[in-house]
Amino acid sequence: MGAQLRVYKRRIQAVTATKKITKAMEMIAASRIVKAQRRVAASMPYATELTRAVTAVATGSTTKHALTTEVEAPTRAAVLLITSDRGLAGGYSSNAIKAAERLRERLAGEGKEVDTYIVGRKGVAYYNFRERKVAESWTGFTDSPSYGDAKNIAAPLIEAIQTETAEGGVDELHIVFTEFVSMMTQNPVENRMLPLSLDEVADENSKKGEILPLFDFEPSAEDVLDALLPRYVESRIYNALLQAAASEHAARRRAMKSATDNAGDLIKSLSRLANAARQAEITQEISEIVGGASALADATAGSDK
């Protein structure tokens, strides 16, 4: 019985140490969420105004450009998947991967060949384990991305959209990331970055009551679009990286809180078992003492006769 009590005590000590770790990780994630939310909010005005500028150029000219022109029969698409570098975040990365898989199946069903670009070690590990081809990958910054990271990611994607499909280019750019809605809600979403859907932007502007002004372009609308293309892609990717980072911290905080609560429940359960084992051990010791005293009394009584 003493050995069983020692086992319970060792398990309680181990679970208590784990609880301290998960509690610390929960507090760290909670502190980082606020900073990530501020970065998301700070990036929105630039992305919004840049989209309005692109829309103004596209609607104010008849120039055909990769940024705004739909390909009649697209045959190849690029998908950028954003996951995390680290685990312990619940289903954060797996949900984004599932969304990318659904998008891939839909594009394949439309007869399009898909090139996959991945951000985050979790997504890279998923594809490597299944021996799937990855066009390019980036890791090491998912919890705190910078604009420089977005530029590095955007460069090969911009090159792909500007290259003919016969030479390895793509007709469409899609992005899959986790949108931060609230501390408790983060939704994996997929959006088409290019070509830009002017009808959707126009509908959003009409809902807001915004009317785009008329512009003159110098030296030309095509040159303006060429200059705006990398900025637009970079800003969209940067905003997605920030949204994903905030979602990652929120998912990790929630997962660590659940782990901490579960550890507390397990400690209570083990403590009850340890107390029961201790009581049983004490009862057994008392029984042995009483039995020994009784046997000694019987032996003494026998010798007196």
Protein backbone atom coordinates (compact mmCIF):
# COMPACT_ATOMS: atom_id res chain seq x y z
CA MET A 1 0.00 0.00 0.00
CA GLY A 2 2.88 2.36 0.70
CA ALA A 3 4.19 1.85 -2.84
CA GLN A 4 0.80 2.82 -4.29
CA LEU A 5 0.76 6.01 -2.23
CA ARG A 6 4.21 6.93 -3.55
CA VAL A 7 2.99 6.41 -7.12
CA TYR A 8 0.08 8.80 -6.55
CA LYS A 9 2.38 11.42 -5.01
CA ARG A 10 4.80 11.22 -7.95
CA ARG A 11 1.92 11.61 -10.42
CA ILE A 12 0.56 14.60 -8.48
CA GLN A 13 4.00 16.24 -8.56
CA ALA A 14 4.33 15.63 -12.31
CA VAL A 15 0.85 16.98 -13.10
CA THR A 16 1.45 20.01 -10.85
CA ALA A 17 4.66 20.82 -12.76
CA THR A 18 2.78 20.47 -16.06
CA LYS A 19 0.01 22.72 -14.78
CA LYS A 20 2.54 25.45 -13.97
CA ILE A 21 3.94 25.25 -17.51
CA THR A 22 0.53 25.37 -19.23
CA LYS A 23 -0.57 28.25 -16.99
CA ALA A 24 2.56 30.21 -17.91
CA MET A 25 1.99 29.52 -21.63
CA GLU A 26 -1.63 30.63 -21.28
CA MET A 27 -0.57 33.94 -19.73
CA ILE A 28 2.10 34.51 -22.39
CA ALA A 29 -0.37 33.84 -25.22
CA ALA A 30 -2.95 36.15 -23.63
CA SER A 31 -0.42 38.97 -23.41
CA ARG A 32 0.55 38.55 -27.07
CA ILE A 33 -3.02 38.57 -28.36
CA VAL A 34 -3.51 42.24 -27.50
CA LYS A 35 -0.38 43.25 -29.38
CA ALA A 36 -1.37 41.11 -32.36
CA GLN A 37 -4.85 42.67 -32.43
CA ARG A 38 -3.35 46.16 -32.49
CA ARG A 39 -1.11 45.22 -35.42
CA VAL A 40 -4.11 43.85 -37.33
CA ALA A 41 -6.08 47.04 -36.73
CA ALA A 42 -3.10 49.18 -37.76
CA SER A 43 -2.71 47.33 -41.06
CA MET A 44 -6.34 47.62 -42.13
CA PRO A 45 -6.46 51.28 -43.29
CA TYR A 46 -3.49 50.84 -45.64
CA ALA A 47 -4.90 47.64 -47.13
CA THR A 48 -8.34 49.23 -47.57
CA GLU A 49 -7.05 52.37 -49.28
CA LEU A 50 -4.73 50.35 -51.49
CA THR A 51 -7.64 48.18 -52.64
CA ARG A 52 -9.65 51.34 -53.40
CA ALA A 53 -6.75 52.72 -55.43
CA VAL A 54 -6.43 49.53 -57.44
CA THR A 55 -10.17 49.48 -58.03
CA ALA A 56 -10.11 53.10 -59.17
CA VAL A 57 -7.38 52.40 -61.71
CA ALA A 58 -9.02 49.22 -62.97
CA THR A 59 -12.50 50.71 -63.35
CA GLY A 60 -11.17 53.95 -64.83
CA SER A 61 -9.27 52.28 -67.65
CA THR A 62 -9.62 49.53 -70.23
CA THR A 63 -6.13 48.16 -69.61
CA LYS A 64 -5.82 44.39 -69.34
CA HIS A 65 -3.61 43.47 -66.43
CA ALA A 66 -2.91 40.37 -64.30
CA LEU A 67 -4.15 42.27 -61.26
CA THR A 68 -7.69 42.70 -62.55
CA THR A 69 -8.24 40.69 -65.74
CA GLU A 70 -9.95 37.33 -65.58
CA VAL A 71 -8.43 34.57 -67.71
CA GLU A 72 -11.05 33.01 -69.96
CA ALA A 73 -10.03 29.41 -69.27
CA PRO A 74 -7.72 29.30 -66.23
CA THR A 75 -5.69 26.10 -65.99
CA ARG A 76 -3.31 26.72 -63.11
CA ALA A 77 -3.68 28.26 -59.65
CA ALA A 78 -1.40 28.99 -56.72
CA VAL A 79 -2.57 28.48 -53.13
CA LEU A 80 -0.79 30.11 -50.19
CA LEU A 81 -1.47 28.25 -46.93
CA ILE A 82 -0.65 29.93 -43.61
CA THR A 83 -0.14 27.65 -40.59
CA SER A 84 1.92 27.90 -37.38
CA ASP A 85 5.52 27.07 -36.57
CA ARG A 86 4.67 25.68 -33.14
CA GLY A 87 2.05 23.34 -31.76
CA LEU A 88 0.03 23.40 -28.53
CA ALA A 89 -2.61 25.54 -30.24
CA GLY A 90 -5.50 23.09 -30.47
CA GLY A 91 -6.84 22.61 -33.98
CA TYR A 92 -5.50 25.91 -35.32
CA SER A 93 -3.14 24.51 -37.99
CA SER A 94 -5.21 21.42 -38.79
CA ASN A 95 -8.31 23.54 -39.49
CA ALA A 96 -6.37 25.76 -41.90
CA ILE A 97 -4.93 22.69 -43.62
CA LYS A 98 -8.42 21.19 -44.00
CA ALA A 99 -9.64 24.45 -45.57
CA ALA A 100 -6.71 24.35 -48.01
CA GLU A 101 -7.48 20.73 -48.86
CA ARG A 102 -11.11 21.63 -49.63
CA LEU A 103 -9.96 24.52 -51.83
CA ARG A 104 -7.47 22.26 -53.60
CA GLU A 105 -10.18 19.69 -54.33
CA ARG A 106 -12.50 22.40 -55.66
CA LEU A 107 -9.85 23.85 -57.94
CA ALA A 108 -8.88 20.39 -59.15
CA GLY A 109 -12.54 19.70 -59.85
CA GLU A 110 -12.56 22.81 -62.06
CA GLY A 111 -9.68 21.35 -64.05
CA LYS A 112 -6.96 23.54 -62.58
CA GLU A 113 -3.50 22.39 -61.59
CA VAL A 114 -2.58 23.65 -58.09
CA ASP A 115 0.81 24.90 -56.87
CA THR A 116 1.02 25.02 -53.09
CA TYR A 117 3.00 27.61 -51.13
CA ILE A 118 3.17 27.14 -47.36
CA VAL A 119 3.93 29.33 -44.34
CA GLY A 120 4.66 27.54 -41.05
CA ARG A 121 6.37 24.32 -40.02
CA LYS A 122 3.09 22.53 -39.30
CA GLY A 123 1.89 22.87 -42.88
CA VAL A 124 5.31 21.95 -44.26
CA ALA A 125 5.44 18.84 -42.05
CA TYR A 126 1.93 17.82 -43.17
CA TYR A 127 2.86 17.95 -46.86
CA ASN A 128 6.31 16.41 -46.40
CA PHE A 129 4.86 13.48 -44.47
CA ARG A 130 2.46 12.78 -47.33
CA GLU A 131 5.24 13.35 -49.89
CA ARG A 132 3.34 16.12 -51.65
CA LYS A 133 5.13 18.69 -53.73
CA VAL A 134 5.47 22.19 -52.26
CA ALA A 135 6.41 25.03 -54.59
CA GLU A 136 8.01 27.08 -51.79
CA SER A 137 7.79 27.39 -48.02
CA TRP A 138 8.67 29.86 -45.26
CA THR A 139 9.07 29.21 -41.53
CA GLY A 140 10.24 30.82 -38.31
CA PHE A 141 8.05 33.93 -37.96
CA THR A 142 4.39 32.93 -37.76
CA ASP A 143 3.82 34.20 -34.19
CA SER A 144 5.25 37.66 -34.97
CA PRO A 145 5.41 38.37 -38.72
CA SER A 146 6.90 41.52 -40.22
CA TYR A 147 6.22 43.34 -43.48
CA GLY A 148 9.58 42.06 -44.73
CA ASP A 149 8.28 38.50 -44.32
CA ALA A 150 5.23 39.40 -46.40
CA LYS A 151 7.48 40.83 -49.15
CA ASN A 152 9.57 37.65 -49.23
CA ILE A 153 6.42 35.55 -49.59
CA ALA A 154 4.86 37.84 -52.20
CA ALA A 155 7.90 37.88 -54.52
CA PRO A 156 7.57 34.34 -56.00
CA LEU A 157 3.76 34.64 -56.11
CA ILE A 158 3.94 37.88 -58.10
CA GLU A 159 6.47 36.30 -60.43
CA ALA A 160 4.16 33.31 -60.92
CA ILE A 161 1.10 35.45 -61.78
CA GLN A 162 3.16 37.49 -64.26
CA THR A 163 4.51 34.39 -66.00
CA GLU A 164 2.68 32.51 -68.74
CA THR A 165 1.20 29.19 -67.63
CA ALA A 166 3.11 27.42 -70.39
CA GLU A 167 6.31 28.57 -68.68
CA GLY A 168 5.23 27.53 -65.18
CA GLY A 169 3.12 30.54 -64.25
CA VAL A 170 -0.39 30.63 -62.76
CA ASP A 171 -3.70 32.27 -63.65
CA GLU A 172 -4.99 32.74 -60.09
CA LEU A 173 -3.65 33.38 -56.60
CA HIS A 174 -5.54 32.09 -53.55
CA ILE A 175 -4.73 32.45 -49.86
CA VAL A 176 -5.88 30.29 -46.93
CA PHE A 177 -5.46 31.66 -43.41
CA THR A 178 -7.27 31.85 -40.07
CA GLU A 179 -9.31 35.01 -39.60
CA PHE A 180 -9.36 36.49 -36.10
CA VAL A 181 -12.96 37.23 -35.11
CA SER A 182 -12.73 37.32 -31.33
CA MET A 183 -10.84 35.76 -28.43
CA MET A 184 -13.08 32.71 -28.68
CA THR A 185 -13.69 32.55 -32.44
CA GLN A 186 -11.12 32.11 -35.21
CA ASN A 187 -12.32 30.94 -38.60
CA PRO A 188 -10.20 29.42 -41.39
CA VAL A 189 -11.01 31.27 -44.62
CA GLU A 190 -9.90 31.14 -48.24
CA ASN A 191 -9.82 34.19 -50.48
CA ARG A 192 -8.78 34.79 -54.04
CA MET A 193 -6.13 37.50 -54.14
CA LEU A 194 -5.71 37.72 -57.90
CA PRO A 195 -7.32 38.53 -60.20
CA LEU A 196 -9.08 41.11 -58.05
CA SER A 197 -12.85 40.75 -58.25
CA LEU A 198 -13.98 44.26 -59.15
CA ASP A 199 -17.66 43.35 -58.84
CA GLU A 200 -17.23 42.38 -55.18
CA VAL A 201 -15.31 45.55 -54.40
CA ALA A 202 -17.94 47.63 -56.18
CA ASP A 203 -20.69 45.97 -54.16
CA GLU A 204 -18.83 46.72 -50.92
CA ASN A 205 -18.37 50.36 -51.94
CA SER A 206 -22.05 50.68 -52.87
CA LYS A 207 -23.07 49.26 -49.49
CA LYS A 208 -20.89 51.85 -47.80
CA GLY A 209 -22.26 54.59 -50.07
CA GLU A 210 -18.81 55.31 -51.52
CA ILE A 211 -18.39 56.62 -55.06
CA LEU A 212 -14.96 56.37 -56.64
CA PRO A 213 -13.66 59.58 -58.22
CA LEU A 214 -12.38 59.88 -61.79
CA PHE A 215 -8.63 59.82 -62.34
CA ASP A 216 -6.09 60.67 -64.99
CA PHE A 217 -3.13 58.28 -65.12
CA GLU A 218 0.47 59.20 -65.80
CA PRO A 219 2.41 57.80 -67.47
CA SER A 220 -0.32 55.17 -68.09
CA ALA A 221 -2.86 53.00 -66.28
CA GLU A 222 -0.78 49.90 -67.04
CA ASP A 223 2.30 51.41 -65.39
CA VAL A 224 0.23 52.38 -62.37
CA LEU A 225 -1.11 48.83 -62.09
CA ASP A 226 2.40 47.44 -62.43
CA ALA A 227 3.46 49.62 -59.50
CA LEU A 228 0.41 48.74 -57.41
CA LEU A 229 0.53 44.98 -58.03
CA PRO A 230 3.37 44.13 -55.61
CA ARG A 231 2.05 46.56 -52.99
CA TYR A 232 -1.42 45.05 -53.19
CA VAL A 233 -0.22 41.44 -52.89
CA GLU A 234 2.19 42.31 -50.08
CA SER A 235 -0.47 44.15 -48.09
CA ARG A 236 -2.98 41.30 -48.45
CA ILE A 237 -0.42 38.73 -47.35
CA TYR A 238 0.78 40.92 -44.47
CA ASN A 239 -2.76 41.39 -43.20
CA ALA A 240 -3.38 37.63 -43.47
CA LEU A 241 -0.16 36.91 -41.55
CA LEU A 242 -1.21 39.28 -38.77
CA GLN A 243 -4.71 37.80 -38.61
CA ALA A 244 -3.20 34.32 -38.47
CA ALA A 245 -0.77 35.33 -35.71
CA ALA A 246 -3.58 36.75 -33.57
CA SER A 247 -5.63 33.61 -34.20
CA GLU A 248 -2.67 31.40 -33.28
CA HIS A 249 -2.18 33.17 -29.94
CA ALA A 250 -5.90 33.01 -29.18
CA ALA A 251 -6.06 29.31 -30.04
CA ARG A 252 -2.98 28.59 -27.93
CA ARG A 253 -4.38 30.54 -24.96
CA ARG A 254 -7.63 28.58 -25.18
CA ALA A 255 -5.80 25.25 -25.51
CA MET A 256 -3.49 26.02 -22.59
CA LYS A 257 -6.41 27.13 -20.42
CA SER A 258 -8.16 23.85 -21.15
CA ALA A 259 -4.96 21.94 -20.34
CA THR A 260 -4.55 23.87 -17.09
CA ASP A 261 -8.14 23.16 -16.06
CA ASN A 262 -7.76 19.48 -16.92
CA ALA A 263 -4.55 19.31 -14.90
CA GLY A 264 -6.36 20.83 -11.91
CA ASP A 265 -9.14 18.25 -12.21
CA LEU A 266 -6.59 15.44 -12.47
CA ILE A 267 -4.75 16.69 -9.37
CA LYS A 268 -8.02 16.66 -7.41
CA SER A 269 -8.77 13.13 -8.58
CA LEU A 270 -5.27 11.89 -7.73
CA SER A 271 -5.40 13.62 -4.34
CA ARG A 272 -8.63 11.77 -3.50
CA LEU A 273 -7.03 8.47 -4.53
CA ALA A 274 -3.91 9.27 -2.50
CA ASN A 275 -6.03 10.11 0.55
CA ALA A 276 -7.96 6.86 0.16
CA ALA A 277 -4.69 4.93 -0.14
CA ARG A 278 -3.30 6.69 2.95
CA GLN A 279 -6.45 5.93 4.95
CA ALA A 280 -6.34 2.30 3.86
CA GLU A 281 -2.68 2.14 4.86
CA ILE A 282 -3.43 3.65 8.29
CA THR A 283 -6.38 1.27 8.77
CA GLN A 284 -4.17 -1.68 7.87
CA GLU A 285 -1.46 -0.54 10.29
CA ILE A 286 -4.03 -0.14 13.10
CA SER A 287 -5.43 -3.58 12.31
CA GLU A 288 -1.94 -5.05 12.44
CA ILE A 289 -1.21 -3.34 15.76
CA VAL A 290 -4.51 -4.49 17.25
CA GLY A 291 -3.98 -8.01 15.93
CA GLY A 292 -0.42 -8.08 17.28
CA ALA A 293 -1.56 -6.83 20.71
CA SER A 294 -4.34 -9.38 20.78
CA ALA A 295 -1.93 -12.20 19.86
CA LEU A 296 0.53 -11.01 22.51
CA ALA A 297 -2.25 -10.93 25.14
CA ASP A 298 -3.34 -14.46 24.20
CA ALA A 299 0.25 -15.68 24.40
CA THR A 300 0.71 -14.06 27.81
CA ALA A 301 -2.51 -15.57 29.11
CA GLY A 302 -1.41 -19.01 27.88
CA SER A 303 1.95 -18.80 29.68
CA ASP A 304 0.29 -17.81 32.99
CA LYS A 305 -1.65 -21.08 32.96
